[in-house]
Amino acid sequence: MIEQVKSYLLELQKTICSEVERIDGDESFAVDEWKKENGAGYGKTNVLSDGKVFERAGVNFSYVEGSKMPRSATALRPELEGRNYRALGVSLVLHPQNPYVPTSHANVRFFIAEKAGEEPIWWFGGGFDLTPYYGFDEDVIHWHGEAKNACAPYGESVYPKYKKWCDEYFYMKHREEPRGVGGLFFDDLNEGGFEQNFAFMQSVGDAFSRAYFPIVDRRKDVSFGERERNFQLHRRGRYVEFNLIYDRGTLFGLQSGGRTESILMSMPPEVRWSYQFEAQEGSKEEKLVNYYLKPKEWV
């Protein structure tokens, strides 16, 4: 299982990095191959900084193992207590220069938890989500259309289920608003056997490029000024808040003794927090909050 998944994940990382470099046209990824000192993990962190299109793009492959599942994993699954685990995945966050290009996140992962004398417990998880600063119906419909297409071979109920889960997962209770316009989120996936679930994870991973990069190509050359840039930095603050307070992947990585630099590559290089910010009535900024950040059925 591990080797099959690893082979796919490394190829996915390579494919997405090539697409980012194609679109950016200015900078290339710096490749950081690392190993944990205790031999309990390794990975490849690819980071592109200060490009023409992407202010920061991070695409990370990691493999970690340990003798005790972190509490972020066992809180919802107490049957994992006392098991050794191995986990591997690709996670990425792309922060654009242009405020009219959305930030995007994707992750696909595989876990296996083992205990002597008992059957292994394994599962897949992942998904992708979109965080625009200025919304366009065309972009959000395209995004959700590709998400739906990725799920279609696995049943009509799959997209609505994982779309709803994404809306619920990427919700900031302390702000009473979602992080973005959603996408797909799934976890603990193991019903139906390894091959079927592995195929679904690949379908989601492969769909990311079709969902995101056409939007980047469409918006990357739109003119913007200081107002749009300031609003982008303000909304990035919400992104940081979610990652540090709620995100399971961030919490799992830090609690499992993961590599901090690779875990926190998801953070935007520049951000601001505004005290009691209120968008002007009728503005594009207000439309983001009052229209686009209201979960709805886009397709």
C-alpha atoms as a PDB file:
ATOM      1  CA  MET A   1       0.000   0.000   0.000  1.00  0.00           C
ATOM      2  CA  ILE A   2       2.652   2.480   1.078  1.00  0.00           C
ATOM      3  CA  GLU A   3       4.785   2.110  -2.044  1.00  0.00           C
ATOM      4  CA  GLN A   4       1.832   2.425  -4.431  1.00  0.00           C
ATOM      5  CA  VAL A   5       0.657   5.594  -2.744  1.00  0.00           C
ATOM      6  CA  LYS A   6       4.156   7.046  -2.493  1.00  0.00           C
ATOM      7  CA  SER A   7       4.788   6.568  -6.204  1.00  0.00           C
ATOM      8  CA  TYR A   8       1.588   8.400  -7.095  1.00  0.00           C
ATOM      9  CA  LEU A   9       2.167  11.238  -4.641  1.00  0.00           C
ATOM     10  CA  LEU A  10       5.672  11.994  -5.887  1.00  0.00           C
ATOM     11  CA  GLU A  11       4.414  12.103  -9.471  1.00  0.00           C
ATOM     12  CA  LEU A  12       1.536  14.391  -8.423  1.00  0.00           C
ATOM     13  CA  GLN A  13       3.979  16.748  -6.725  1.00  0.00           C
ATOM     14  CA  LYS A  14       6.122  16.840  -9.855  1.00  0.00           C
ATOM     15  CA  THR A  15       3.149  17.516 -12.141  1.00  0.00           C
ATOM     16  CA  ILE A  16       1.747  20.362 -10.059  1.00  0.00           C
ATOM     17  CA  CYS A  17       5.158  22.002  -9.656  1.00  0.00           C
ATOM     18  CA  SER A  18       5.669  21.903 -13.417  1.00  0.00           C
ATOM     19  CA  GLU A  19       2.314  23.610 -13.947  1.00  0.00           C
ATOM     20  CA  VAL A  20       3.107  26.316 -11.385  1.00  0.00           C
ATOM     21  CA  GLU A  21       6.461  27.025 -13.061  1.00  0.00           C
ATOM     22  CA  ARG A  22       4.790  27.162 -16.476  1.00  0.00           C
ATOM     23  CA  ILE A  23       2.279  29.753 -15.360  1.00  0.00           C
ATOM     24  CA  ASP A  24       4.724  31.794 -13.285  1.00  0.00           C
ATOM     25  CA  GLY A  25       7.318  31.926 -16.044  1.00  0.00           C
ATOM     26  CA  ASP A  26       9.760  33.782 -13.806  1.00  0.00           C
ATOM     27  CA  GLU A  27      10.853  31.684 -10.835  1.00  0.00           C
ATOM     28  CA  SER A  28      11.523  27.991 -10.234  1.00  0.00           C
ATOM     29  CA  PHE A  29      10.982  25.856  -7.159  1.00  0.00           C
ATOM     30  CA  ALA A  30      13.723  25.487  -4.598  1.00  0.00           C
ATOM     31  CA  VAL A  31      13.794  21.789  -3.675  1.00  0.00           C
ATOM     32  CA  ASP A  32      14.501  20.892  -0.063  1.00  0.00           C
ATOM     33  CA  GLU A  33      14.869  17.148   0.570  1.00  0.00           C
ATOM     34  CA  TRP A  34      14.927  16.410   4.276  1.00  0.00           C
ATOM     35  CA  LYS A  35      15.112  13.574   6.782  1.00  0.00           C
ATOM     36  CA  LYS A  36      14.198  13.596  10.445  1.00  0.00           C
ATOM     37  CA  GLU A  37      17.180  12.999  12.725  1.00  0.00           C
ATOM     38  CA  ASN A  38      15.513  10.049  14.450  1.00  0.00           C
ATOM     39  CA  GLY A  39      14.820   8.347  11.127  1.00  0.00           C
ATOM     40  CA  ALA A  40      11.056   8.625  11.627  1.00  0.00           C
ATOM     41  CA  GLY A  41      10.323  10.651   8.548  1.00  0.00           C
ATOM     42  CA  TYR A  42      11.499  12.220   5.323  1.00  0.00           C
ATOM     43  CA  GLY A  43      10.149  14.384   2.584  1.00  0.00           C
ATOM     44  CA  LYS A  44      10.599  16.827  -0.243  1.00  0.00           C
ATOM     45  CA  THR A  45       9.472  20.417   0.255  1.00  0.00           C
ATOM     46  CA  ASN A  46       9.291  22.490  -2.927  1.00  0.00           C
ATOM     47  CA  VAL A  47       8.896  26.244  -2.446  1.00  0.00           C
ATOM     48  CA  LEU A  48       8.689  29.009  -5.047  1.00  0.00           C
ATOM     49  CA  SER A  49       9.007  32.556  -3.709  1.00  0.00           C
ATOM     50  CA  ASP A  50       8.502  36.045  -5.148  1.00  0.00           C
ATOM     51  CA  GLY A  51       7.512  34.884  -8.590  1.00  0.00           C
ATOM     52  CA  LYS A  52       5.758  36.905 -11.250  1.00  0.00           C
ATOM     53  CA  VAL A  53       2.410  35.192 -10.559  1.00  0.00           C
ATOM     54  CA  PHE A  54       2.895  33.460  -7.200  1.00  0.00           C
ATOM     55  CA  GLU A  55       4.139  35.295  -4.140  1.00  0.00           C
ATOM     56  CA  ARG A  56       4.611  31.899  -2.533  1.00  0.00           C
ATOM     57  CA  ALA A  57       3.875  28.405  -3.779  1.00  0.00           C
ATOM     58  CA  GLY A  58       4.596  25.445  -1.549  1.00  0.00           C
ATOM     59  CA  VAL A  59       4.139  21.828  -2.643  1.00  0.00           C
ATOM     60  CA  ASN A  60       5.205  19.327   0.002  1.00  0.00           C
ATOM     61  CA  PHE A  61       5.575  15.544   0.044  1.00  0.00           C
ATOM     62  CA  SER A  62       6.100  13.993   3.456  1.00  0.00           C
ATOM     63  CA  TYR A  63       6.287  10.600   5.100  1.00  0.00           C
ATOM     64  CA  VAL A  64       6.180  10.274   8.895  1.00  0.00           C
ATOM     65  CA  GLU A  65       5.886   7.391  11.328  1.00  0.00           C
ATOM     66  CA  GLY A  66       5.620   7.018  15.072  1.00  0.00           C
ATOM     67  CA  SER A  67       4.670   4.793  17.977  1.00  0.00           C
ATOM     68  CA  LYS A  68       1.812   6.952  19.249  1.00  0.00           C
ATOM     69  CA  MET A  69      -0.900   8.714  17.266  1.00  0.00           C
ATOM     70  CA  PRO A  70      -1.113  12.457  18.019  1.00  0.00           C
ATOM     71  CA  ARG A  71      -4.164  13.583  19.976  1.00  0.00           C
ATOM     72  CA  SER A  72      -5.477  15.441  16.911  1.00  0.00           C
ATOM     73  CA  ALA A  73      -6.015  11.994  15.325  1.00  0.00           C
ATOM     74  CA  THR A  74      -7.197  10.009  18.335  1.00  0.00           C
ATOM     75  CA  ALA A  75      -9.675  12.614  19.607  1.00  0.00           C
ATOM     76  CA  LEU A  76     -12.216  11.516  17.016  1.00  0.00           C
ATOM     77  CA  ARG A  77     -10.981   7.916  16.697  1.00  0.00           C
ATOM     78  CA  PRO A  78     -10.143   6.435  20.122  1.00  0.00           C
ATOM     79  CA  GLU A  79      -9.601   2.986  18.548  1.00  0.00           C
ATOM     80  CA  LEU A  80      -6.279   4.318  17.239  1.00  0.00           C
ATOM     81  CA  GLU A  81      -4.832   4.655  20.731  1.00  0.00           C
ATOM     82  CA  GLY A  82      -1.733   2.500  21.274  1.00  0.00           C
ATOM     83  CA  ARG A  83      -1.064   1.876  17.589  1.00  0.00           C
ATOM     84  CA  ASN A  84       2.035   2.589  15.569  1.00  0.00           C
ATOM     85  CA  TYR A  85       1.314   4.699  12.524  1.00  0.00           C
ATOM     86  CA  ARG A  86       2.685   5.644   9.139  1.00  0.00           C
ATOM     87  CA  ALA A  87       1.370   8.593   7.176  1.00  0.00           C
ATOM     88  CA  LEU A  88       2.263  10.107   3.838  1.00  0.00           C
ATOM     89  CA  GLY A  89       0.775  12.774   1.661  1.00  0.00           C
ATOM     90  CA  VAL A  90       1.130  15.748  -0.625  1.00  0.00           C
ATOM     91  CA  SER A  91      -0.061  19.117   0.607  1.00  0.00           C
ATOM     92  CA  LEU A  92       0.112  22.406  -1.211  1.00  0.00           C
ATOM     93  CA  VAL A  93      -0.823  26.048  -0.805  1.00  0.00           C
ATOM     94  CA  LEU A  94      -0.530  28.601  -3.594  1.00  0.00           C
ATOM     95  CA  HIS A  95      -0.574  32.298  -2.664  1.00  0.00           C
ATOM     96  CA  PRO A  96      -0.803  34.578  -5.739  1.00  0.00           C
ATOM     97  CA  GLN A  97       0.587  38.065  -6.196  1.00  0.00           C
ATOM     98  CA  ASN A  98      -2.578  39.384  -7.859  1.00  0.00           C
ATOM     99  CA  PRO A  99      -5.573  39.798  -5.497  1.00  0.00           C
ATOM    100  CA  TYR A 100      -7.889  38.782  -8.337  1.00  0.00           C
ATOM    101  CA  VAL A 101      -6.315  35.314  -8.340  1.00  0.00           C
ATOM    102  CA  PRO A 102      -7.586  33.127  -5.474  1.00  0.00           C
ATOM    103  CA  THR A 103      -5.377  31.358  -2.988  1.00  0.00           C
ATOM    104  CA  SER A 104      -5.812  27.612  -3.154  1.00  0.00           C
ATOM    105  CA  HIS A 105      -5.037  24.619  -0.973  1.00  0.00           C
ATOM    106  CA  ALA A 106      -5.039  20.900  -1.719  1.00  0.00           C
ATOM    107  CA  ASN A 107      -4.061  17.798   0.180  1.00  0.00           C
ATOM    108  CA  VAL A 108      -4.206  14.044  -0.397  1.00  0.00           C
ATOM    109  CA  ARG A 109      -2.950  11.609   2.211  1.00  0.00           C
ATOM    110  CA  PHE A 110      -2.854   8.006   3.387  1.00  0.00           C
ATOM    111  CA  PHE A 111      -2.591   6.641   6.943  1.00  0.00           C
ATOM    112  CA  ILE A 112      -2.048   3.156   8.277  1.00  0.00           C
ATOM    113  CA  ALA A 113      -2.142   2.362  12.014  1.00  0.00           C
ATOM    114  CA  GLU A 114      -0.892  -1.023  13.211  1.00  0.00           C
ATOM    115  CA  LYS A 115      -0.833  -3.080  16.391  1.00  0.00           C
ATOM    116  CA  ALA A 116       0.651  -6.536  16.924  1.00  0.00           C
ATOM    117  CA  GLY A 117      -1.948  -9.276  16.604  1.00  0.00           C
ATOM    118  CA  GLU A 118      -4.608  -6.992  15.129  1.00  0.00           C
ATOM    119  CA  GLU A 119      -5.671  -6.010  11.611  1.00  0.00           C
ATOM    120  CA  PRO A 120      -4.160  -2.752  10.363  1.00  0.00           C
ATOM    121  CA  ILE A 121      -6.468   0.259  10.238  1.00  0.00           C
ATOM    122  CA  TRP A 122      -5.922   2.349   7.110  1.00  0.00           C
ATOM    123  CA  TRP A 123      -7.688   5.248   5.464  1.00  0.00           C
ATOM    124  CA  PHE A 124      -7.412   8.009   2.881  1.00  0.00           C
ATOM    125  CA  GLY A 125      -8.182  11.683   3.246  1.00  0.00           C
ATOM    126  CA  GLY A 126      -7.838  14.920   1.344  1.00  0.00           C
ATOM    127  CA  GLY A 127      -9.568  17.456  -0.836  1.00  0.00           C
ATOM    128  CA  PHE A 128      -9.110  20.950  -2.175  1.00  0.00           C
ATOM    129  CA  ASP A 129     -10.589  24.369  -1.467  1.00  0.00           C
ATOM    130  CA  LEU A 130     -10.531  27.854  -2.972  1.00  0.00           C
ATOM    131  CA  THR A 131     -10.079  31.182  -1.155  1.00  0.00           C
ATOM    132  CA  PRO A 132     -10.811  34.160  -3.413  1.00  0.00           C
ATOM    133  CA  TYR A 133     -10.297  37.789  -2.442  1.00  0.00           C
ATOM    134  CA  TYR A 134     -12.502  39.038  -5.260  1.00  0.00           C
ATOM    135  CA  GLY A 135     -15.155  36.659  -6.488  1.00  0.00           C
ATOM    136  CA  PHE A 136     -16.305  35.736  -9.989  1.00  0.00           C
ATOM    137  CA  ASP A 137     -19.224  33.374 -10.590  1.00  0.00           C
ATOM    138  CA  GLU A 138     -17.450  31.933 -13.637  1.00  0.00           C
ATOM    139  CA  ASP A 139     -14.449  30.915 -11.541  1.00  0.00           C
ATOM    140  CA  VAL A 140     -16.401  29.373  -8.666  1.00  0.00           C
ATOM    141  CA  ILE A 141     -18.687  27.441 -11.020  1.00  0.00           C
ATOM    142  CA  HIS A 142     -15.657  26.081 -12.878  1.00  0.00           C
ATOM    143  CA  TRP A 143     -13.985  25.107  -9.602  1.00  0.00           C
ATOM    144  CA  HIS A 144     -16.992  23.207  -8.297  1.00  0.00           C
ATOM    145  CA  GLY A 145     -17.657  21.704 -11.711  1.00  0.00           C
ATOM    146  CA  GLU A 146     -14.246  20.043 -11.711  1.00  0.00           C
ATOM    147  CA  ALA A 147     -14.773  18.903  -8.114  1.00  0.00           C
ATOM    148  CA  LYS A 148     -18.053  17.309  -9.145  1.00  0.00           C
ATOM    149  CA  ASN A 149     -16.422  15.668 -12.185  1.00  0.00           C
ATOM    150  CA  ALA A 150     -13.747  14.127  -9.951  1.00  0.00           C
ATOM    151  CA  CYS A 151     -16.444  12.516  -7.795  1.00  0.00           C
ATOM    152  CA  ALA A 152     -18.846  11.490 -10.585  1.00  0.00           C
ATOM    153  CA  PRO A 153     -17.442   7.978 -11.285  1.00  0.00           C
ATOM    154  CA  TYR A 154     -17.975   7.051  -7.629  1.00  0.00           C
ATOM    155  CA  GLY A 155     -21.679   7.825  -7.309  1.00  0.00           C
ATOM    156  CA  GLU A 156     -24.082  10.751  -7.430  1.00  0.00           C
ATOM    157  CA  SER A 157     -24.033  11.212  -3.654  1.00  0.00           C
ATOM    158  CA  VAL A 158     -20.251  11.628  -3.362  1.00  0.00           C
ATOM    159  CA  TYR A 159     -19.874  15.248  -4.517  1.00  0.00           C
ATOM    160  CA  PRO A 160     -22.749  16.637  -2.398  1.00  0.00           C
ATOM    161  CA  LYS A 161     -21.423  14.760   0.649  1.00  0.00           C
ATOM    162  CA  TYR A 162     -17.830  15.957   0.367  1.00  0.00           C
ATOM    163  CA  LYS A 163     -18.831  19.446  -0.780  1.00  0.00           C
ATOM    164  CA  LYS A 164     -20.936  19.811   2.388  1.00  0.00           C
ATOM    165  CA  TRP A 165     -18.120  18.423   4.525  1.00  0.00           C
ATOM    166  CA  CYS A 166     -15.748  20.991   3.008  1.00  0.00           C
ATOM    167  CA  ASP A 167     -18.171  23.847   3.747  1.00  0.00           C
ATOM    168  CA  GLU A 168     -18.413  22.680   7.354  1.00  0.00           C
ATOM    169  CA  TYR A 169     -14.719  21.960   7.841  1.00  0.00           C
ATOM    170  CA  PHE A 170     -13.385  25.276   6.508  1.00  0.00           C
ATOM    171  CA  TYR A 171     -15.653  27.321   8.757  1.00  0.00           C
ATOM    172  CA  MET A 172     -14.183  29.718  11.303  1.00  0.00           C
ATOM    173  CA  LYS A 173     -16.477  29.667  14.300  1.00  0.00           C
ATOM    174  CA  HIS A 174     -14.783  32.632  15.945  1.00  0.00           C
ATOM    175  CA  ARG A 175     -15.428  34.753  12.836  1.00  0.00           C
ATOM    176  CA  GLU A 176     -18.755  33.124  11.921  1.00  0.00           C
ATOM    177  CA  GLU A 177     -17.680  32.802   8.305  1.00  0.00           C
ATOM    178  CA  PRO A 178     -16.116  30.237   5.963  1.00  0.00           C
ATOM    179  CA  ARG A 179     -12.533  30.561   4.819  1.00  0.00           C
ATOM    180  CA  GLY A 180     -13.473  30.544   1.160  1.00  0.00           C
ATOM    181  CA  VAL A 181     -15.915  29.105  -1.371  1.00  0.00           C
ATOM    182  CA  GLY A 182     -15.272  25.470  -0.535  1.00  0.00           C
ATOM    183  CA  GLY A 183     -14.564  22.473  -2.728  1.00  0.00           C
ATOM    184  CA  LEU A 184     -14.080  18.924  -1.450  1.00  0.00           C
ATOM    185  CA  PHE A 185     -13.072  17.464   1.894  1.00  0.00           C
ATOM    186  CA  PHE A 186     -12.995  13.774   2.855  1.00  0.00           C
ATOM    187  CA  ASP A 187     -11.369  11.768   5.627  1.00  0.00           C
ATOM    188  CA  ASP A 188     -11.381   8.285   7.186  1.00  0.00           C
ATOM    189  CA  LEU A 189     -12.131   6.798   3.755  1.00  0.00           C
ATOM    190  CA  ASN A 190     -11.727   2.996   3.721  1.00  0.00           C
ATOM    191  CA  GLU A 191     -15.078   1.481   2.737  1.00  0.00           C
ATOM    192  CA  GLY A 192     -15.039  -0.513  -0.489  1.00  0.00           C
ATOM    193  CA  GLY A 193     -11.438  -1.681  -0.371  1.00  0.00           C
ATOM    194  CA  PHE A 194      -8.014  -0.210  -0.973  1.00  0.00           C
ATOM    195  CA  GLU A 195      -8.050  -0.076  -4.784  1.00  0.00           C
ATOM    196  CA  GLN A 196     -11.343   1.810  -5.040  1.00  0.00           C
ATOM    197  CA  ASN A 197     -10.405   4.338  -2.389  1.00  0.00           C
ATOM    198  CA  PHE A 198      -6.927   4.820  -3.788  1.00  0.00           C
ATOM    199  CA  ALA A 199      -8.501   5.483  -7.194  1.00  0.00           C
ATOM    200  CA  PHE A 200     -10.793   8.104  -5.668  1.00  0.00           C
ATOM    201  CA  MET A 201      -7.880   9.844  -3.955  1.00  0.00           C
ATOM    202  CA  GLN A 202      -6.054   9.950  -7.296  1.00  0.00           C
ATOM    203  CA  SER A 203      -9.136  11.373  -8.998  1.00  0.00           C
ATOM    204  CA  VAL A 204      -9.238  14.213  -6.487  1.00  0.00           C
ATOM    205  CA  GLY A 205      -5.493  14.834  -6.706  1.00  0.00           C
ATOM    206  CA  ASP A 206      -5.530  14.898 -10.511  1.00  0.00           C
ATOM    207  CA  ALA A 207      -8.578  17.204 -10.622  1.00  0.00           C
ATOM    208  CA  PHE A 208      -6.830  19.997  -8.727  1.00  0.00           C
ATOM    209  CA  SER A 209      -4.837  21.230 -11.725  1.00  0.00           C
ATOM    210  CA  ARG A 210      -7.901  21.230 -13.978  1.00  0.00           C
ATOM    211  CA  ALA A 211      -9.870  23.134 -11.354  1.00  0.00           C
ATOM    212  CA  TYR A 212      -7.339  25.786 -10.359  1.00  0.00           C
ATOM    213  CA  PHE A 213      -4.898  26.699 -13.086  1.00  0.00           C
ATOM    214  CA  PRO A 214      -7.471  27.871 -15.681  1.00  0.00           C
ATOM    215  CA  ILE A 215      -8.644  30.390 -13.066  1.00  0.00           C
ATOM    216  CA  VAL A 216      -5.074  31.590 -12.566  1.00  0.00           C
ATOM    217  CA  ASP A 217      -4.576  32.009 -16.312  1.00  0.00           C
ATOM    218  CA  ARG A 218      -7.823  33.980 -16.525  1.00  0.00           C
ATOM    219  CA  ARG A 219      -7.078  36.452 -13.679  1.00  0.00           C
ATOM    220  CA  LYS A 220      -3.303  36.802 -13.330  1.00  0.00           C
ATOM    221  CA  ASP A 221      -3.015  39.871 -15.578  1.00  0.00           C
ATOM    222  CA  VAL A 222      -5.982  41.843 -14.208  1.00  0.00           C
ATOM    223  CA  SER A 223      -4.904  45.329 -13.085  1.00  0.00           C
ATOM    224  CA  PHE A 224      -5.054  46.073  -9.347  1.00  0.00           C
ATOM    225  CA  GLY A 225      -3.988  48.785  -6.958  1.00  0.00           C
ATOM    226  CA  GLU A 226      -3.241  49.472  -3.307  1.00  0.00           C
ATOM    227  CA  ARG A 227      -6.872  48.998  -2.250  1.00  0.00           C
ATOM    228  CA  GLU A 228      -7.039  45.486  -3.640  1.00  0.00           C
ATOM    229  CA  ARG A 229      -3.640  44.601  -2.229  1.00  0.00           C
ATOM    230  CA  ASN A 230      -4.618  45.789   1.253  1.00  0.00           C
ATOM    231  CA  PHE A 231      -7.831  43.773   1.136  1.00  0.00           C
ATOM    232  CA  GLN A 232      -5.887  40.701   0.032  1.00  0.00           C
ATOM    233  CA  LEU A 233      -3.534  41.072   3.008  1.00  0.00           C
ATOM    234  CA  HIS A 234      -6.498  41.572   5.338  1.00  0.00           C
ATOM    235  CA  ARG A 235      -8.216  38.400   4.108  1.00  0.00           C
ATOM    236  CA  ARG A 236      -4.963  36.466   4.354  1.00  0.00           C
ATOM    237  CA  GLY A 237      -5.191  37.082   8.083  1.00  0.00           C
ATOM    238  CA  ARG A 238      -8.291  34.892   8.123  1.00  0.00           C
ATOM    239  CA  TYR A 239      -6.335  32.197   6.299  1.00  0.00           C
ATOM    240  CA  VAL A 240      -3.626  32.204   8.959  1.00  0.00           C
ATOM    241  CA  GLU A 241      -6.195  32.100  11.757  1.00  0.00           C
ATOM    242  CA  PHE A 242      -7.845  28.994  10.331  1.00  0.00           C
ATOM    243  CA  ASN A 243      -4.560  27.150   9.817  1.00  0.00           C
ATOM    244  CA  LEU A 244      -3.326  27.765  13.344  1.00  0.00           C
ATOM    245  CA  ILE A 245      -6.605  27.236  15.182  1.00  0.00           C
ATOM    246  CA  TYR A 246      -8.524  24.563  13.280  1.00  0.00           C
ATOM    247  CA  ASP A 247      -6.553  22.837  10.533  1.00  0.00           C
ATOM    248  CA  ARG A 248      -6.089  19.141  11.328  1.00  0.00           C
ATOM    249  CA  GLY A 249      -3.077  18.772   9.065  1.00  0.00           C
ATOM    250  CA  THR A 250      -1.211  21.611  10.768  1.00  0.00           C
ATOM    251  CA  LEU A 251      -2.090  20.305  14.229  1.00  0.00           C
ATOM    252  CA  PHE A 252      -1.165  16.719  13.324  1.00  0.00           C
ATOM    253  CA  GLY A 253       2.171  17.806  11.908  1.00  0.00           C
ATOM    254  CA  LEU A 254       3.130  19.880  14.935  1.00  0.00           C
ATOM    255  CA  GLN A 255       1.867  17.326  17.487  1.00  0.00           C
ATOM    256  CA  SER A 256       3.682  14.463  15.749  1.00  0.00           C
ATOM    257  CA  GLY A 257       6.999  16.311  15.837  1.00  0.00           C
ATOM    258  CA  GLY A 258       6.917  17.007  12.120  1.00  0.00           C
ATOM    259  CA  ARG A 259       9.226  19.381  10.332  1.00  0.00           C
ATOM    260  CA  THR A 260       8.052  22.858  11.275  1.00  0.00           C
ATOM    261  CA  GLU A 261       9.400  24.626   8.187  1.00  0.00           C
ATOM    262  CA  SER A 262       7.486  22.277   5.894  1.00  0.00           C
ATOM    263  CA  ILE A 263       4.298  22.399   7.978  1.00  0.00           C
ATOM    264  CA  LEU A 264       4.203  26.190   8.062  1.00  0.00           C
ATOM    265  CA  MET A 265       5.063  26.661   4.391  1.00  0.00           C
ATOM    266  CA  SER A 266       1.301  27.208   3.988  1.00  0.00           C
ATOM    267  CA  MET A 267       1.535  30.648   5.552  1.00  0.00           C
ATOM    268  CA  PRO A 268       1.436  33.678   3.246  1.00  0.00           C
ATOM    269  CA  PRO A 269       4.628  35.742   3.199  1.00  0.00           C
ATOM    270  CA  GLU A 270       2.761  38.996   3.918  1.00  0.00           C
ATOM    271  CA  VAL A 271      -0.425  39.497   5.913  1.00  0.00           C
ATOM    272  CA  ARG A 272      -2.213  42.129   7.968  1.00  0.00           C
ATOM    273  CA  TRP A 273      -4.886  42.263  10.647  1.00  0.00           C
ATOM    274  CA  SER A 274      -7.353  45.143  10.548  1.00  0.00           C
ATOM    275  CA  TYR A 275      -9.232  46.199  13.668  1.00  0.00           C
ATOM    276  CA  GLN A 276     -13.005  46.063  13.100  1.00  0.00           C
ATOM    277  CA  PHE A 277     -12.662  46.192   9.329  1.00  0.00           C
ATOM    278  CA  GLU A 278     -15.916  46.888   7.515  1.00  0.00           C
ATOM    279  CA  ALA A 279     -16.215  46.766   3.744  1.00  0.00           C
ATOM    280  CA  GLN A 280     -17.919  49.684   2.028  1.00  0.00           C
ATOM    281  CA  GLU A 281     -21.561  48.984   1.251  1.00  0.00           C
ATOM    282  CA  GLY A 282     -22.035  47.895  -2.337  1.00  0.00           C
ATOM    283  CA  SER A 283     -18.300  47.319  -2.894  1.00  0.00           C
ATOM    284  CA  LYS A 284     -16.549  44.293  -4.384  1.00  0.00           C
ATOM    285  CA  GLU A 285     -15.099  43.636  -0.951  1.00  0.00           C
ATOM    286  CA  GLU A 286     -18.542  43.511   0.615  1.00  0.00           C
ATOM    287  CA  LYS A 287     -19.747  41.169  -2.139  1.00  0.00           C
ATOM    288  CA  LEU A 288     -17.008  38.686  -1.251  1.00  0.00           C
ATOM    289  CA  VAL A 289     -18.250  38.426   2.330  1.00  0.00           C
ATOM    290  CA  ASN A 290     -21.989  38.707   1.783  1.00  0.00           C
ATOM    291  CA  TYR A 291     -22.316  36.716  -1.441  1.00  0.00           C
ATOM    292  CA  TYR A 292     -19.343  34.477  -2.150  1.00  0.00           C
ATOM    293  CA  LEU A 293     -18.672  33.492   1.456  1.00  0.00           C
ATOM    294  CA  LYS A 294     -22.176  32.129   1.837  1.00  0.00           C
ATOM    295  CA  PRO A 295     -22.201  28.401   1.034  1.00  0.00           C
ATOM    296  CA  LYS A 296     -24.462  27.641  -1.907  1.00  0.00           C
ATOM    297  CA  GLU A 297     -24.927  25.072  -4.639  1.00  0.00           C
ATOM    298  CA  TRP A 298     -22.743  26.328  -7.462  1.00  0.00           C
ATOM    299  CA  VAL A 299     -23.256  23.400  -9.847  1.00  0.00           C
END
